């Protein structure tokens, strides 16, 4: 009976692939116009002193102006890499989410809180922020700020 199920599954999969390949399917990039390509891994930090200063400035702003959730999330920020101004730029927030001494109960909510706080802190016409966990894996990518 199991052999028949495996053969049936293989036939169904083959039919789906054949239909998909002949139906005119194509890849469509849905990245917003002007948005950076998705950076799934944290970019190399070429200026650690500056990125740590950006992180200190960001945490200080969040401590003074952020919500309770944002303040808690900001304690996870280690570095803020990137260049931006009031017109454009990209920011990459390095955190200890999924690591550190105290685990985060909801890593995605923490990452979203950081992206929202960064948007509140800096506002560019075409700026994007991404948030990364302790291993350098993207949690939130290309949020406009």
N, C-alpha and C. Protein backbone atom coordinates (compact mmCIF):
# COMPACT_ATOMS: atom_id res chain seq x y z
N UNK A 1 0.82 -1.19 0.00
CA UNK A 1 0.00 0.00 0.00
C UNK A 1 0.86 1.26 0.00
N UNK A 2 1.93 1.26 0.80
CA UNK A 2 2.80 2.43 0.87
C UNK A 2 3.44 2.72 -0.48
N UNK A 3 3.86 1.70 -1.23
CA UNK A 3 4.48 1.89 -2.53
C UNK A 3 3.51 2.58 -3.48
N UNK A 4 2.26 2.19 -3.42
CA UNK A 4 1.26 2.81 -4.28
C UNK A 4 1.08 4.29 -3.92
N UNK A 5 1.09 4.63 -2.62
CA UNK A 5 0.97 6.02 -2.17
C UNK A 5 2.15 6.84 -2.65
N UNK A 6 3.36 6.28 -2.56
CA UNK A 6 4.55 7.00 -3.01
C UNK A 6 4.48 7.26 -4.51
N UNK A 7 4.04 6.23 -5.30
CA UNK A 7 3.92 6.42 -6.74
C UNK A 7 2.87 7.47 -7.06
N UNK A 8 1.76 7.45 -6.34
CA UNK A 8 0.69 8.42 -6.58
C UNK A 8 1.18 9.83 -6.28
N UNK A 9 1.89 9.96 -5.19
CA UNK A 9 2.42 11.27 -4.82
C UNK A 9 3.40 11.77 -5.87
N UNK A 10 4.25 10.87 -6.38
CA UNK A 10 5.21 11.24 -7.41
C UNK A 10 4.51 11.67 -8.69
N UNK A 11 3.45 10.97 -9.06
CA UNK A 11 2.70 11.34 -10.26
C UNK A 11 2.03 12.69 -10.11
N UNK A 12 1.43 12.93 -8.95
CA UNK A 12 0.78 14.22 -8.70
C UNK A 12 1.82 15.35 -8.73
N UNK A 13 2.96 15.14 -8.09
CA UNK A 13 4.02 16.15 -8.08
C UNK A 13 4.50 16.42 -9.50
N UNK A 14 4.71 15.36 -10.28
CA UNK A 14 5.15 15.53 -11.66
C UNK A 14 4.14 16.29 -12.49
N UNK A 15 2.86 16.02 -12.29
CA UNK A 15 1.82 16.73 -13.03
C UNK A 15 1.79 18.20 -12.65
N UNK A 16 1.94 18.48 -11.37
CA UNK A 16 1.96 19.88 -10.91
C UNK A 16 3.14 20.63 -11.52
N UNK A 17 4.29 20.01 -11.53
CA UNK A 17 5.46 20.64 -12.12
C UNK A 17 5.27 20.88 -13.60
N UNK A 18 4.72 19.91 -14.31
CA UNK A 18 4.50 20.05 -15.75
C UNK A 18 3.53 21.20 -16.03
N UNK A 19 2.47 21.28 -15.27
CA UNK A 19 1.50 22.36 -15.46
C UNK A 19 2.15 23.70 -15.15
N UNK A 20 2.91 23.75 -14.08
CA UNK A 20 3.57 25.00 -13.70
C UNK A 20 4.58 25.45 -14.73
N UNK A 21 5.31 24.54 -15.32
CA UNK A 21 6.34 24.90 -16.30
C UNK A 21 5.74 25.32 -17.63
N UNK A 22 4.56 24.85 -17.94
CA UNK A 22 3.97 25.17 -19.23
C UNK A 22 2.90 26.25 -19.15
N UNK A 23 2.61 26.74 -17.97
CA UNK A 23 1.52 27.70 -17.83
C UNK A 23 1.98 29.15 -17.95
N UNK A 24 3.23 29.36 -18.29
CA UNK A 24 3.71 30.72 -18.46
C UNK A 24 4.05 31.41 -17.16
N UNK A 25 4.34 30.66 -16.12
CA UNK A 25 4.72 31.24 -14.83
C UNK A 25 6.04 31.98 -14.98
N UNK A 26 6.17 33.06 -14.27
CA UNK A 26 7.42 33.79 -14.28
C UNK A 26 7.65 34.44 -12.93
N UNK A 27 8.91 34.73 -12.62
CA UNK A 27 9.28 35.35 -11.36
C UNK A 27 8.97 36.83 -11.45
N UNK A 28 8.33 37.38 -10.43
CA UNK A 28 8.03 38.79 -10.38
C UNK A 28 8.65 39.36 -9.12
N UNK A 29 9.48 40.40 -9.27
CA UNK A 29 10.10 41.05 -8.13
C UNK A 29 9.10 42.04 -7.55
N UNK A 30 8.74 41.86 -6.28
CA UNK A 30 7.76 42.74 -5.65
C UNK A 30 8.40 43.76 -4.72
N UNK A 31 9.73 43.86 -4.79
CA UNK A 31 10.43 44.85 -3.97
C UNK A 31 10.01 46.24 -4.43
N UNK A 32 9.70 47.11 -3.48
CA UNK A 32 9.27 48.47 -3.82
C UNK A 32 10.33 49.18 -4.66
N UNK A 33 9.86 50.03 -5.55
CA UNK A 33 10.76 50.80 -6.41
C UNK A 33 11.74 51.58 -5.54
N UNK A 34 13.01 51.46 -5.79
CA UNK A 34 14.02 52.16 -5.02
C UNK A 34 14.46 51.45 -3.76
N UNK A 35 13.79 50.34 -3.41
CA UNK A 35 14.15 49.59 -2.21
C UNK A 35 15.42 48.79 -2.48
N UNK A 36 16.24 48.59 -1.47
CA UNK A 36 17.44 47.78 -1.66
C UNK A 36 17.04 46.32 -1.86
N UNK A 37 17.90 45.56 -2.48
CA UNK A 37 17.60 44.13 -2.60
C UNK A 37 17.62 43.54 -1.19
N UNK A 38 16.92 42.44 -1.03
CA UNK A 38 16.84 41.85 0.30
C UNK A 38 18.20 41.37 0.76
N UNK A 39 18.56 41.75 1.95
CA UNK A 39 19.83 41.42 2.56
C UNK A 39 19.53 40.43 3.67
N UNK A 40 19.54 39.13 3.32
CA UNK A 40 19.15 38.10 4.29
C UNK A 40 20.19 37.89 5.39
N UNK A 41 21.42 38.24 5.14
CA UNK A 41 22.48 38.14 6.14
C UNK A 41 22.97 39.55 6.48
N UNK A 42 23.33 39.75 7.72
CA UNK A 42 23.82 41.04 8.18
C UNK A 42 25.06 41.43 7.37
N UNK A 43 25.07 42.64 6.80
CA UNK A 43 26.26 43.07 6.05
C UNK A 43 27.47 43.22 6.96
N UNK A 44 28.63 43.19 6.36
CA UNK A 44 29.88 43.37 7.11
C UNK A 44 29.92 44.76 7.71
N UNK A 45 30.35 44.83 8.95
CA UNK A 45 30.49 46.10 9.65
C UNK A 45 31.88 46.65 9.36
N UNK A 46 31.94 47.69 8.53
CA UNK A 46 33.24 48.25 8.15
C UNK A 46 33.72 49.33 9.11
N UNK A 47 32.86 49.77 10.03
CA UNK A 47 33.24 50.80 11.00
C UNK A 47 32.55 50.50 12.33
N UNK A 48 33.14 49.57 13.10
CA UNK A 48 32.51 49.13 14.36
C UNK A 48 32.31 50.27 15.35
N UNK A 49 33.25 51.19 15.41
CA UNK A 49 33.14 52.31 16.34
C UNK A 49 31.89 53.15 16.00
N UNK A 50 31.68 53.42 14.72
CA UNK A 50 30.52 54.21 14.29
C UNK A 50 29.22 53.44 14.51
N UNK A 51 29.22 52.14 14.20
CA UNK A 51 27.98 51.36 14.35
C UNK A 51 27.59 51.22 15.83
N UNK A 52 28.56 51.15 16.71
CA UNK A 52 28.26 51.10 18.15
C UNK A 52 27.74 52.46 18.64
N UNK A 53 28.28 53.54 18.08
CA UNK A 53 27.79 54.89 18.42
C UNK A 53 26.35 55.05 17.94
N UNK A 54 26.06 54.60 16.71
CA UNK A 54 24.68 54.64 16.21
C UNK A 54 23.76 53.87 17.15
N UNK A 55 24.19 52.69 17.62
CA UNK A 55 23.38 51.87 18.53
C UNK A 55 23.15 52.61 19.84
N UNK A 56 24.20 53.24 20.39
CA UNK A 56 24.06 54.00 21.64
C UNK A 56 23.06 55.14 21.47
N UNK A 57 23.19 55.88 20.34
CA UNK A 57 22.29 57.00 20.07
C UNK A 57 20.85 56.51 19.92
N UNK A 58 20.67 55.41 19.22
CA UNK A 58 19.34 54.84 19.01
C UNK A 58 18.72 54.40 20.34
N UNK A 59 19.48 53.68 21.15
CA UNK A 59 18.97 53.23 22.45
C UNK A 59 18.61 54.42 23.34
N UNK A 60 19.44 55.46 23.32
CA UNK A 60 19.17 56.65 24.13
C UNK A 60 17.87 57.32 23.68
N UNK A 61 17.67 57.43 22.37
CA UNK A 61 16.44 58.03 21.87
C UNK A 61 15.23 57.20 22.27
N UNK A 62 15.33 55.88 22.11
CA UNK A 62 14.21 55.00 22.46
C UNK A 62 13.93 55.09 23.96
N UNK A 63 14.97 55.15 24.80
CA UNK A 63 14.78 55.28 26.25
C UNK A 63 14.01 56.55 26.59
N UNK A 64 14.24 57.61 25.82
CA UNK A 64 13.58 58.89 26.09
C UNK A 64 12.20 59.00 25.46
N UNK A 65 11.99 58.37 24.29
CA UNK A 65 10.77 58.61 23.53
C UNK A 65 9.96 57.36 23.16
N UNK A 66 10.51 56.19 23.34
CA UNK A 66 9.85 54.96 22.86
C UNK A 66 8.78 54.44 23.79
N UNK A 67 8.03 53.49 23.25
CA UNK A 67 7.02 52.80 24.04
C UNK A 67 7.72 51.80 24.96
N UNK A 68 6.97 51.24 25.89
CA UNK A 68 7.55 50.23 26.79
C UNK A 68 8.11 49.05 26.01
N UNK A 69 7.36 48.59 24.99
CA UNK A 69 7.81 47.47 24.16
C UNK A 69 9.09 47.83 23.40
N UNK A 70 9.15 49.04 22.86
CA UNK A 70 10.34 49.49 22.12
C UNK A 70 11.55 49.61 23.05
N UNK A 71 11.34 50.09 24.26
CA UNK A 71 12.44 50.20 25.22
C UNK A 71 13.02 48.83 25.55
N UNK A 72 12.13 47.87 25.76
CA UNK A 72 12.58 46.52 26.06
C UNK A 72 13.34 45.94 24.86
N UNK A 73 12.83 46.16 23.66
CA UNK A 73 13.48 45.66 22.44
C UNK A 73 14.83 46.34 22.20
N UNK A 74 14.91 47.63 22.49
CA UNK A 74 16.15 48.38 22.24
C UNK A 74 17.31 47.88 23.08
N UNK A 75 17.02 47.25 24.20
CA UNK A 75 18.10 46.71 25.03
C UNK A 75 18.82 45.56 24.31
N UNK A 76 18.22 45.02 23.26
CA UNK A 76 18.80 43.92 22.49
C UNK A 76 19.73 44.40 21.38
N UNK A 77 19.72 45.69 21.07
CA UNK A 77 20.51 46.25 19.97
C UNK A 77 21.99 46.28 20.33
N UNK A 78 22.82 45.77 19.44
CA UNK A 78 24.26 45.76 19.63
C UNK A 78 24.97 46.76 18.71
N UNK A 79 24.53 46.81 17.45
CA UNK A 79 25.13 47.74 16.48
C UNK A 79 24.06 48.18 15.49
N UNK A 80 24.23 49.37 14.95
CA UNK A 80 23.39 49.84 13.85
C UNK A 80 24.34 50.22 12.72
N UNK A 81 24.33 49.39 11.69
CA UNK A 81 25.24 49.53 10.56
C UNK A 81 24.52 50.27 9.44
N UNK A 82 25.24 51.07 8.69
CA UNK A 82 24.66 51.71 7.51
C UNK A 82 24.86 53.20 7.50
N UNK A 83 24.39 53.78 6.43
CA UNK A 83 24.46 55.23 6.23
C UNK A 83 23.08 55.71 5.79
N UNK A 84 22.64 56.82 6.33
CA UNK A 84 21.36 57.38 5.96
C UNK A 84 21.37 58.86 6.27
N UNK A 85 20.46 59.56 5.64
CA UNK A 85 20.23 60.96 5.94
C UNK A 85 18.73 61.20 5.83
N UNK A 86 18.31 62.46 5.71
CA UNK A 86 16.87 62.72 5.68
C UNK A 86 16.23 62.39 4.34
N UNK A 87 17.04 61.98 3.35
CA UNK A 87 16.50 61.66 2.03
C UNK A 87 16.50 60.17 1.73
N UNK A 88 17.57 59.49 2.06
CA UNK A 88 17.69 58.08 1.68
C UNK A 88 18.68 57.37 2.59
N UNK A 89 18.76 56.07 2.43
CA UNK A 89 19.76 55.30 3.16
C UNK A 89 19.23 53.96 3.62
N UNK A 90 20.16 53.16 4.14
CA UNK A 90 19.82 51.83 4.64
C UNK A 90 20.44 51.67 6.02
N UNK A 91 19.66 51.08 6.92
CA UNK A 91 20.15 50.78 8.26
C UNK A 91 19.96 49.29 8.52
N UNK A 92 20.96 48.69 9.16
CA UNK A 92 20.94 47.28 9.48
C UNK A 92 21.18 47.15 10.98
N UNK A 93 20.15 46.70 11.72
CA UNK A 93 20.24 46.63 13.17
C UNK A 93 20.66 45.22 13.59
N UNK A 94 21.81 45.14 14.24
CA UNK A 94 22.33 43.88 14.76
C UNK A 94 21.89 43.75 16.22
N UNK A 95 21.30 42.60 16.57
CA UNK A 95 20.78 42.40 17.92
C UNK A 95 21.31 41.09 18.51
N UNK A 96 20.94 40.85 19.76
CA UNK A 96 21.24 39.55 20.38
C UNK A 96 19.97 38.69 20.47
N UNK A 97 18.97 38.99 19.63
CA UNK A 97 17.76 38.18 19.58
C UNK A 97 18.14 36.76 19.17
N UNK A 98 17.52 35.78 19.79
CA UNK A 98 17.82 34.35 19.60
C UNK A 98 19.17 33.97 20.20
N UNK A 99 19.62 34.76 21.12
CA UNK A 99 20.87 34.51 21.84
C UNK A 99 20.85 35.35 23.10
N UNK A 100 21.98 35.69 23.59
CA UNK A 100 22.05 36.53 24.78
C UNK A 100 21.72 35.76 26.04
N UNK A 101 21.75 36.45 27.17
CA UNK A 101 21.55 35.79 28.45
C UNK A 101 20.07 35.58 28.78
N UNK A 102 19.19 36.44 28.25
CA UNK A 102 17.76 36.30 28.48
C UNK A 102 17.07 36.09 27.14
N UNK A 103 16.49 34.91 26.92
CA UNK A 103 15.82 34.64 25.64
C UNK A 103 14.64 35.58 25.41
N UNK A 104 14.38 35.87 24.16
CA UNK A 104 13.24 36.69 23.77
C UNK A 104 12.06 35.75 23.52
N UNK A 105 10.91 36.05 24.13
CA UNK A 105 9.74 35.18 23.97
C UNK A 105 9.18 35.25 22.55
N UNK A 106 9.17 36.43 21.95
CA UNK A 106 8.63 36.60 20.61
C UNK A 106 9.64 37.39 19.77
N UNK A 107 10.59 36.70 19.13
CA UNK A 107 11.63 37.39 18.36
C UNK A 107 11.08 38.31 17.27
N UNK A 108 10.03 37.89 16.58
CA UNK A 108 9.49 38.72 15.49
C UNK A 108 8.85 39.99 16.03
N UNK A 109 8.14 39.92 17.14
CA UNK A 109 7.53 41.11 17.72
C UNK A 109 8.63 42.08 18.19
N UNK A 110 9.70 41.54 18.74
CA UNK A 110 10.82 42.37 19.18
C UNK A 110 11.47 43.05 17.98
N UNK A 111 11.68 42.30 16.90
CA UNK A 111 12.29 42.87 15.69
C UNK A 111 11.38 43.95 15.08
N UNK A 112 10.09 43.70 15.06
CA UNK A 112 9.15 44.70 14.52
C UNK A 112 9.14 45.96 15.38
N UNK A 113 9.23 45.79 16.69
CA UNK A 113 9.26 46.96 17.59
C UNK A 113 10.50 47.80 17.31
N UNK A 114 11.62 47.14 17.03
CA UNK A 114 12.85 47.87 16.70
C UNK A 114 12.72 48.62 15.38
N UNK A 115 12.13 47.97 14.37
CA UNK A 115 11.95 48.63 13.08
C UNK A 115 11.03 49.84 13.22
N UNK A 116 9.97 49.70 14.00
CA UNK A 116 9.05 50.81 14.23
C UNK A 116 9.73 51.95 14.99
N UNK A 117 10.52 51.60 15.99
CA UNK A 117 11.25 52.61 16.76
C UNK A 117 12.25 53.34 15.88
N UNK A 118 12.93 52.61 15.00
CA UNK A 118 13.88 53.26 14.11
C UNK A 118 13.15 54.22 13.18
N UNK A 119 11.99 53.82 12.70
CA UNK A 119 11.17 54.68 11.84
C UNK A 119 10.78 55.95 12.59
N UNK A 120 10.45 55.82 13.88
CA UNK A 120 10.10 56.99 14.68
C UNK A 120 11.31 57.88 14.91
N UNK A 121 12.49 57.28 15.04
CA UNK A 121 13.73 58.01 15.32
C UNK A 121 14.24 58.74 14.09
N UNK A 122 14.32 58.05 12.99
CA UNK A 122 14.83 58.62 11.74
C UNK A 122 13.73 58.57 10.71
N UNK A 123 13.63 59.59 9.90
CA UNK A 123 12.60 59.60 8.88
C UNK A 123 13.23 60.08 7.58
N UNK A 124 13.40 59.17 6.65
CA UNK A 124 13.96 59.51 5.34
C UNK A 124 12.88 59.31 4.29
N UNK A 125 13.02 59.99 3.17
CA UNK A 125 12.05 59.83 2.09
C UNK A 125 12.11 58.44 1.49
N UNK A 126 13.29 57.87 1.40
CA UNK A 126 13.45 56.53 0.82
C UNK A 126 14.45 55.72 1.64
N UNK A 127 14.24 55.63 2.95
CA UNK A 127 15.14 54.89 3.82
C UNK A 127 14.55 53.54 4.19
N UNK A 128 15.42 52.57 4.39
CA UNK A 128 14.99 51.22 4.73
C UNK A 128 15.81 50.67 5.89
N UNK A 129 15.11 49.98 6.81
CA UNK A 129 15.77 49.38 7.95
C UNK A 129 15.49 47.88 7.97
N UNK A 130 16.51 47.10 8.32
CA UNK A 130 16.38 45.66 8.49
C UNK A 130 16.91 45.29 9.87
N UNK A 131 16.33 44.25 10.48
CA UNK A 131 16.73 43.83 11.83
C UNK A 131 17.21 42.38 11.75
N UNK A 132 18.35 42.11 12.41
CA UNK A 132 19.00 40.80 12.35
C UNK A 132 19.17 40.20 13.74
N UNK A 133 19.11 38.86 13.80
CA UNK A 133 19.31 38.18 15.07
C UNK A 133 20.79 38.02 15.38
N UNK A 134 21.10 37.36 16.48
CA UNK A 134 22.48 37.20 16.95
C UNK A 134 23.36 36.46 15.94
N UNK A 135 22.74 35.65 15.08
CA UNK A 135 23.50 34.88 14.09
C UNK A 135 23.63 35.63 12.76
N UNK A 136 23.09 36.84 12.68
CA UNK A 136 23.16 37.61 11.45
C UNK A 136 22.09 37.28 10.44
N UNK A 137 21.03 36.58 10.87
CA UNK A 137 19.92 36.23 9.99
C UNK A 137 18.83 37.30 10.08
N UNK A 138 18.28 37.68 8.94
CA UNK A 138 17.26 38.72 8.90
C UNK A 138 15.97 38.27 9.56
N UNK A 139 15.41 39.14 10.39
CA UNK A 139 14.10 38.92 10.99
C UNK A 139 13.09 39.83 10.31
N UNK A 140 13.47 41.08 10.07
CA UNK A 140 12.66 42.06 9.37
C UNK A 140 13.53 42.68 8.30
N UNK A 141 13.02 42.74 7.06
CA UNK A 141 13.83 43.29 5.97
C UNK A 141 13.10 44.42 5.27
N UNK A 142 13.86 45.45 4.99
CA UNK A 142 13.42 46.57 4.14
C UNK A 142 12.14 47.27 4.61
N UNK A 143 12.06 47.54 5.91
CA UNK A 143 10.96 48.35 6.41
C UNK A 143 11.30 49.81 6.11
N UNK A 144 10.37 50.54 5.52
CA UNK A 144 10.62 51.94 5.21
C UNK A 144 10.69 52.75 6.49
N UNK A 145 11.59 53.72 6.52
CA UNK A 145 11.64 54.65 7.66
C UNK A 145 11.73 56.07 7.15
